[in-house]
Amino acid sequence: MALFAAADAALRARQVCEAMDLKVAPNNINNTRLKLKRLTERGILVETEQGFFTQPRP
């Protein structure tokens, strides 16, 4: 979550993988995207455009 707090723009799943030092492979990107979608469903993140995730701003 610190990654999203420090980001000045919405992030893609690939960028999150790179920041977490995960191997940038299709499987890792897809798994990260699914986790980000779940966080969006719970209201922790917001998907501003398709594939772009950020924290909700007050």
PDB file of N, CA and C in Angstrom:
ATOM      1  N   MET A   1       0.811  -1.180   0.000  1.00  0.00           N
ATOM      2  CA  MET A   1       0.000   0.000   0.000  1.00  0.00           C
ATOM      3  C   MET A   1       0.867   1.261   0.000  1.00  0.00           C
ATOM      4  N   ALA A   2       2.063   1.142   0.520  1.00  0.00           N
ATOM      5  CA  ALA A   2       2.968   2.285   0.525  1.00  0.00           C
ATOM      6  C   ALA A   2       3.319   2.699  -0.902  1.00  0.00           C
ATOM      7  N   LEU A   3       3.367   1.728  -1.785  1.00  0.00           N
ATOM      8  CA  LEU A   3       3.661   2.009  -3.193  1.00  0.00           C
ATOM      9  C   LEU A   3       2.596   2.934  -3.781  1.00  0.00           C
ATOM     10  N   PHE A   4       1.340   2.659  -3.497  1.00  0.00           N
ATOM     11  CA  PHE A   4       0.254   3.483  -4.021  1.00  0.00           C
ATOM     12  C   PHE A   4       0.217   4.848  -3.343  1.00  0.00           C
ATOM     13  N   ALA A   5       0.573   4.901  -2.070  1.00  0.00           N
ATOM     14  CA  ALA A   5       0.587   6.177  -1.359  1.00  0.00           C
ATOM     15  C   ALA A   5       1.671   7.096  -1.911  1.00  0.00           C
ATOM     16  N   ALA A   6       2.790   6.524  -2.328  1.00  0.00           N
ATOM     17  CA  ALA A   6       3.907   7.318  -2.841  1.00  0.00           C
ATOM     18  C   ALA A   6       3.745   7.671  -4.319  1.00  0.00           C
ATOM     19  N   ALA A   7       2.906   6.938  -5.017  1.00  0.00           N
ATOM     20  CA  ALA A   7       2.740   7.160  -6.464  1.00  0.00           C
ATOM     21  C   ALA A   7       1.932   8.422  -6.725  1.00  0.00           C
ATOM     22  N   ASP A   8       2.329   9.150  -7.754  1.00  0.00           N
ATOM     23  CA  ASP A   8       1.597  10.363  -8.112  1.00  0.00           C
ATOM     24  C   ASP A   8       0.587  10.115  -9.227  1.00  0.00           C
ATOM     25  N   ALA A   9       0.549   8.886  -9.726  1.00  0.00           N
ATOM     26  CA  ALA A   9      -0.406   8.509 -10.774  1.00  0.00           C
ATOM     27  C   ALA A   9      -0.841   7.064 -10.536  1.00  0.00           C
ATOM     28  N   ALA A  10      -1.875   6.659 -11.228  1.00  0.00           N
ATOM     29  CA  ALA A  10      -2.360   5.286 -11.129  1.00  0.00           C
ATOM     30  C   ALA A  10      -1.302   4.328 -11.678  1.00  0.00           C
ATOM     31  N   LEU A  11      -1.268   3.128 -11.126  1.00  0.00           N
ATOM     32  CA  LEU A  11      -0.265   2.131 -11.502  1.00  0.00           C
ATOM     33  C   LEU A  11      -0.907   0.940 -12.187  1.00  0.00           C
ATOM     34  N   ARG A  12      -0.159   0.337 -13.075  1.00  0.00           N
ATOM     35  CA  ARG A  12      -0.560  -0.911 -13.730  1.00  0.00           C
ATOM     36  C   ARG A  12      -0.003  -2.085 -12.927  1.00  0.00           C
ATOM     37  N   ALA A  13      -0.545  -3.264 -13.147  1.00  0.00           N
ATOM     38  CA  ALA A  13      -0.081  -4.465 -12.455  1.00  0.00           C
ATOM     39  C   ALA A  13       1.399  -4.720 -12.741  1.00  0.00           C
ATOM     40  N   ARG A  14       1.834  -4.450 -13.947  1.00  0.00           N
ATOM     41  CA  ARG A  14       3.240  -4.655 -14.308  1.00  0.00           C
ATOM     42  C   ARG A  14       4.153  -3.764 -13.468  1.00  0.00           C
ATOM     43  N   GLN A  15       3.748  -2.517 -13.254  1.00  0.00           N
ATOM     44  CA  GLN A  15       4.540  -1.596 -12.445  1.00  0.00           C
ATOM     45  C   GLN A  15       4.597  -2.059 -10.992  1.00  0.00           C
ATOM     46  N   VAL A  16       3.509  -2.621 -10.497  1.00  0.00           N
ATOM     47  CA  VAL A  16       3.488  -3.141  -9.131  1.00  0.00           C
ATOM     48  C   VAL A  16       4.441  -4.327  -9.017  1.00  0.00           C
ATOM     49  N   CYS A  17       4.459  -5.201 -10.004  1.00  0.00           N
ATOM     50  CA  CYS A  17       5.390  -6.335 -10.014  1.00  0.00           C
ATOM     51  C   CYS A  17       6.838  -5.850  -9.976  1.00  0.00           C
ATOM     52  N   GLU A  18       7.142  -4.864 -10.800  1.00  0.00           N
ATOM     53  CA  GLU A  18       8.501  -4.327 -10.844  1.00  0.00           C
ATOM     54  C   GLU A  18       8.894  -3.727  -9.497  1.00  0.00           C
ATOM     55  N   ALA A  19       7.980  -3.012  -8.857  1.00  0.00           N
ATOM     56  CA  ALA A  19       8.262  -2.382  -7.573  1.00  0.00           C
ATOM     57  C   ALA A  19       8.449  -3.417  -6.462  1.00  0.00           C
ATOM     58  N   MET A  20       7.781  -4.568  -6.603  1.00  0.00           N
ATOM     59  CA  MET A  20       7.893  -5.627  -5.606  1.00  0.00           C
ATOM     60  C   MET A  20       9.018  -6.600  -5.933  1.00  0.00           C
ATOM     61  N   ASP A  21       9.808  -6.287  -6.932  1.00  0.00           N
ATOM     62  CA  ASP A  21      10.927  -7.129  -7.378  1.00  0.00           C
ATOM     63  C   ASP A  21      10.489  -8.534  -7.762  1.00  0.00           C
ATOM     64  N   LEU A  22       9.300  -8.641  -8.341  1.00  0.00           N
ATOM     65  CA  LEU A  22       8.842  -9.911  -8.899  1.00  0.00           C
ATOM     66  C   LEU A  22       9.317 -10.007 -10.341  1.00  0.00           C
ATOM     67  N   LYS A  23       9.554 -11.224 -10.797  1.00  0.00           N
ATOM     68  CA  LYS A  23       9.914 -11.422 -12.187  1.00  0.00           C
ATOM     69  C   LYS A  23       8.734 -10.962 -13.054  1.00  0.00           C
ATOM     70  N   VAL A  24       9.029 -10.129 -14.030  1.00  0.00           N
ATOM     71  CA  VAL A  24       7.969  -9.617 -14.903  1.00  0.00           C
ATOM     72  C   VAL A  24       7.652 -10.700 -15.933  1.00  0.00           C
ATOM     73  N   ALA A  25       6.733 -11.558 -15.545  1.00  0.00           N
ATOM     74  CA  ALA A  25       6.284 -12.660 -16.393  1.00  0.00           C
ATOM     75  C   ALA A  25       4.760 -12.607 -16.443  1.00  0.00           C
ATOM     76  N   PRO A  26       4.168 -13.083 -17.516  1.00  0.00           N
ATOM     77  CA  PRO A  26       2.705 -13.028 -17.639  1.00  0.00           C
ATOM     78  C   PRO A  26       1.963 -13.609 -16.437  1.00  0.00           C
ATOM     79  N   ASN A  27       2.462 -14.704 -15.890  1.00  0.00           N
ATOM     80  CA  ASN A  27       1.795 -15.327 -14.754  1.00  0.00           C
ATOM     81  C   ASN A  27       1.807 -14.406 -13.532  1.00  0.00           C
ATOM     82  N   ASN A  28       2.939 -13.785 -13.246  1.00  0.00           N
ATOM     83  CA  ASN A  28       3.025 -12.875 -12.104  1.00  0.00           C
ATOM     84  C   ASN A  28       2.168 -11.630 -12.308  1.00  0.00           C
ATOM     85  N   ILE A  29       2.156 -11.098 -13.515  1.00  0.00           N
ATOM     86  CA  ILE A  29       1.358  -9.909 -13.803  1.00  0.00           C
ATOM     87  C   ILE A  29      -0.129 -10.225 -13.646  1.00  0.00           C
ATOM     88  N   ASN A  30      -0.567 -11.354 -14.159  1.00  0.00           N
ATOM     89  CA  ASN A  30      -1.981 -11.743 -14.042  1.00  0.00           C
ATOM     90  C   ASN A  30      -2.387 -11.964 -12.590  1.00  0.00           C
ATOM     91  N   ASN A  31      -1.518 -12.621 -11.805  1.00  0.00           N
ATOM     92  CA  ASN A  31      -1.822 -12.839 -10.390  1.00  0.00           C
ATOM     93  C   ASN A  31      -1.898 -11.521  -9.638  1.00  0.00           C
ATOM     94  N   THR A  32      -0.991 -10.608  -9.936  1.00  0.00           N
ATOM     95  CA  THR A  32      -1.009  -9.294  -9.298  1.00  0.00           C
ATOM     96  C   THR A  32      -2.260  -8.529  -9.690  1.00  0.00           C
ATOM     97  N   ARG A  33      -2.645  -8.594 -10.954  1.00  0.00           N
ATOM     98  CA  ARG A  33      -3.855  -7.915 -11.418  1.00  0.00           C
ATOM     99  C   ARG A  33      -5.087  -8.438 -10.683  1.00  0.00           C
ATOM    100  N   LEU A  34      -5.162  -9.752 -10.494  1.00  0.00           N
ATOM    101  CA  LEU A  34      -6.294 -10.337  -9.765  1.00  0.00           C
ATOM    102  C   LEU A  34      -6.338  -9.848  -8.324  1.00  0.00           C
ATOM    103  N   LYS A  35      -5.171  -9.753  -7.685  1.00  0.00           N
ATOM    104  CA  LYS A  35      -5.116  -9.244  -6.310  1.00  0.00           C
ATOM    105  C   LYS A  35      -5.541  -7.783  -6.252  1.00  0.00           C
ATOM    106  N   LEU A  36      -5.104  -6.992  -7.234  1.00  0.00           N
ATOM    107  CA  LEU A  36      -5.500  -5.590  -7.271  1.00  0.00           C
ATOM    108  C   LEU A  36      -7.001  -5.455  -7.494  1.00  0.00           C
ATOM    109  N   LYS A  37      -7.577  -6.312  -8.323  1.00  0.00           N
ATOM    110  CA  LYS A  37      -9.030  -6.299  -8.553  1.00  0.00           C
ATOM    111  C   LYS A  37      -9.782  -6.620  -7.256  1.00  0.00           C
ATOM    112  N   ARG A  38      -9.257  -7.593  -6.478  1.00  0.00           N
ATOM    113  CA  ARG A  38      -9.893  -7.931  -5.204  1.00  0.00           C
ATOM    114  C   ARG A  38      -9.839  -6.758  -4.229  1.00  0.00           C
ATOM    115  N   LEU A  39      -8.703  -6.065  -4.198  1.00  0.00           N
ATOM    116  CA  LEU A  39      -8.586  -4.886  -3.339  1.00  0.00           C
ATOM    117  C   LEU A  39      -9.545  -3.793  -3.790  1.00  0.00           C
ATOM    118  N   THR A  40      -9.792  -3.714  -5.086  1.00  0.00           N
ATOM    119  CA  THR A  40     -10.757  -2.749  -5.615  1.00  0.00           C
ATOM    120  C   THR A  40     -12.173  -3.101  -5.163  1.00  0.00           C
ATOM    121  N   GLU A  41     -12.510  -4.379  -5.208  1.00  0.00           N
ATOM    122  CA  GLU A  41     -13.835  -4.824  -4.773  1.00  0.00           C
ATOM    123  C   GLU A  41     -14.072  -4.519  -3.300  1.00  0.00           C
ATOM    124  N   ARG A  42     -13.012  -4.549  -2.506  1.00  0.00           N
ATOM    125  CA  ARG A  42     -13.122  -4.285  -1.068  1.00  0.00           C
ATOM    126  C   ARG A  42     -13.070  -2.795  -0.736  1.00  0.00           C
ATOM    127  N   GLY A  43     -12.845  -1.962  -1.733  1.00  0.00           N
ATOM    128  CA  GLY A  43     -12.820  -0.528  -1.518  1.00  0.00           C
ATOM    129  C   GLY A  43     -11.480   0.021  -1.051  1.00  0.00           C
ATOM    130  N   ILE A  44     -10.442  -0.803  -1.078  1.00  0.00           N
ATOM    131  CA  ILE A  44      -9.117  -0.364  -0.647  1.00  0.00           C
ATOM    132  C   ILE A  44      -8.414   0.395  -1.765  1.00  0.00           C
ATOM    133  N   LEU A  45      -8.625  -0.038  -2.997  1.00  0.00           N
ATOM    134  CA  LEU A  45      -8.080   0.630  -4.168  1.00  0.00           C
ATOM    135  C   LEU A  45      -9.226   1.050  -5.080  1.00  0.00           C
ATOM    136  N   VAL A  46      -8.896   1.873  -6.064  1.00  0.00           N
ATOM    137  CA  VAL A  46      -9.861   2.313  -7.068  1.00  0.00           C
ATOM    138  C   VAL A  46      -9.243   2.058  -8.431  1.00  0.00           C
ATOM    139  N   GLU A  47     -10.038   1.521  -9.350  1.00  0.00           N
ATOM    140  CA  GLU A  47      -9.577   1.338 -10.729  1.00  0.00           C
ATOM    141  C   GLU A  47     -10.081   2.536 -11.528  1.00  0.00           C
ATOM    142  N   THR A  48      -9.183   3.497 -11.772  1.00  0.00           N
ATOM    143  CA  THR A  48      -9.570   4.738 -12.437  1.00  0.00           C
ATOM    144  C   THR A  48      -9.904   4.521 -13.902  1.00  0.00           C
ATOM    145  N   GLU A  49      -9.122   3.725 -14.573  1.00  0.00           N
ATOM    146  CA  GLU A  49      -9.369   3.285 -15.947  1.00  0.00           C
ATOM    147  C   GLU A  49      -9.096   1.794 -15.948  1.00  0.00           C
ATOM    148  N   GLN A  50      -9.462   1.128 -17.003  1.00  0.00           N
ATOM    149  CA  GLN A  50      -9.235  -0.302 -17.057  1.00  0.00           C
ATOM    150  C   GLN A  50      -7.740  -0.592 -16.966  1.00  0.00           C
ATOM    151  N   GLY A  51      -7.333  -1.296 -15.901  1.00  0.00           N
ATOM    152  CA  GLY A  51      -5.952  -1.685 -15.715  1.00  0.00           C
ATOM    153  C   GLY A  51      -5.106  -0.697 -14.932  1.00  0.00           C
ATOM    154  N   PHE A  52      -5.672   0.430 -14.509  1.00  0.00           N
ATOM    155  CA  PHE A  52      -4.937   1.433 -13.730  1.00  0.00           C
ATOM    156  C   PHE A  52      -5.527   1.504 -12.331  1.00  0.00           C
ATOM    157  N   PHE A  53      -4.681   1.284 -11.320  1.00  0.00           N
ATOM    158  CA  PHE A  53      -5.141   1.226  -9.941  1.00  0.00           C
ATOM    159  C   PHE A  53      -4.475   2.301  -9.105  1.00  0.00           C
ATOM    160  N   THR A  54      -5.237   2.841  -8.146  1.00  0.00           N
ATOM    161  CA  THR A  54      -4.732   3.859  -7.234  1.00  0.00           C
ATOM    162  C   THR A  54      -5.519   3.804  -5.939  1.00  0.00           C
ATOM    163  N   GLN A  55      -5.022   4.503  -4.917  1.00  0.00           N
ATOM    164  CA  GLN A  55      -5.760   4.608  -3.671  1.00  0.00           C
ATOM    165  C   GLN A  55      -6.842   5.658  -3.813  1.00  0.00           C
ATOM    166  N   PRO A  56      -7.973   5.465  -3.141  1.00  0.00           N
ATOM    167  CA  PRO A  56      -9.003   6.517  -3.181  1.00  0.00           C
ATOM    168  C   PRO A  56      -8.490   7.768  -2.489  1.00  0.00           C
ATOM    169  N   ARG A  57      -8.752   8.904  -3.065  1.00  0.00           N
ATOM    170  CA  ARG A  57      -8.331  10.180  -2.486  1.00  0.00           C
ATOM    171  C   ARG A  57      -9.493  10.789  -1.738  1.00  0.00           C
ATOM    172  N   PRO A  58      -9.231  11.323  -0.532  1.00  0.00           N
ATOM    173  CA  PRO A  58     -10.340  11.926   0.245  1.00  0.00           C
ATOM    174  C   PRO A  58     -10.829  13.217  -0.357  1.00  0.00           C
TER     175      PRO A  58
END
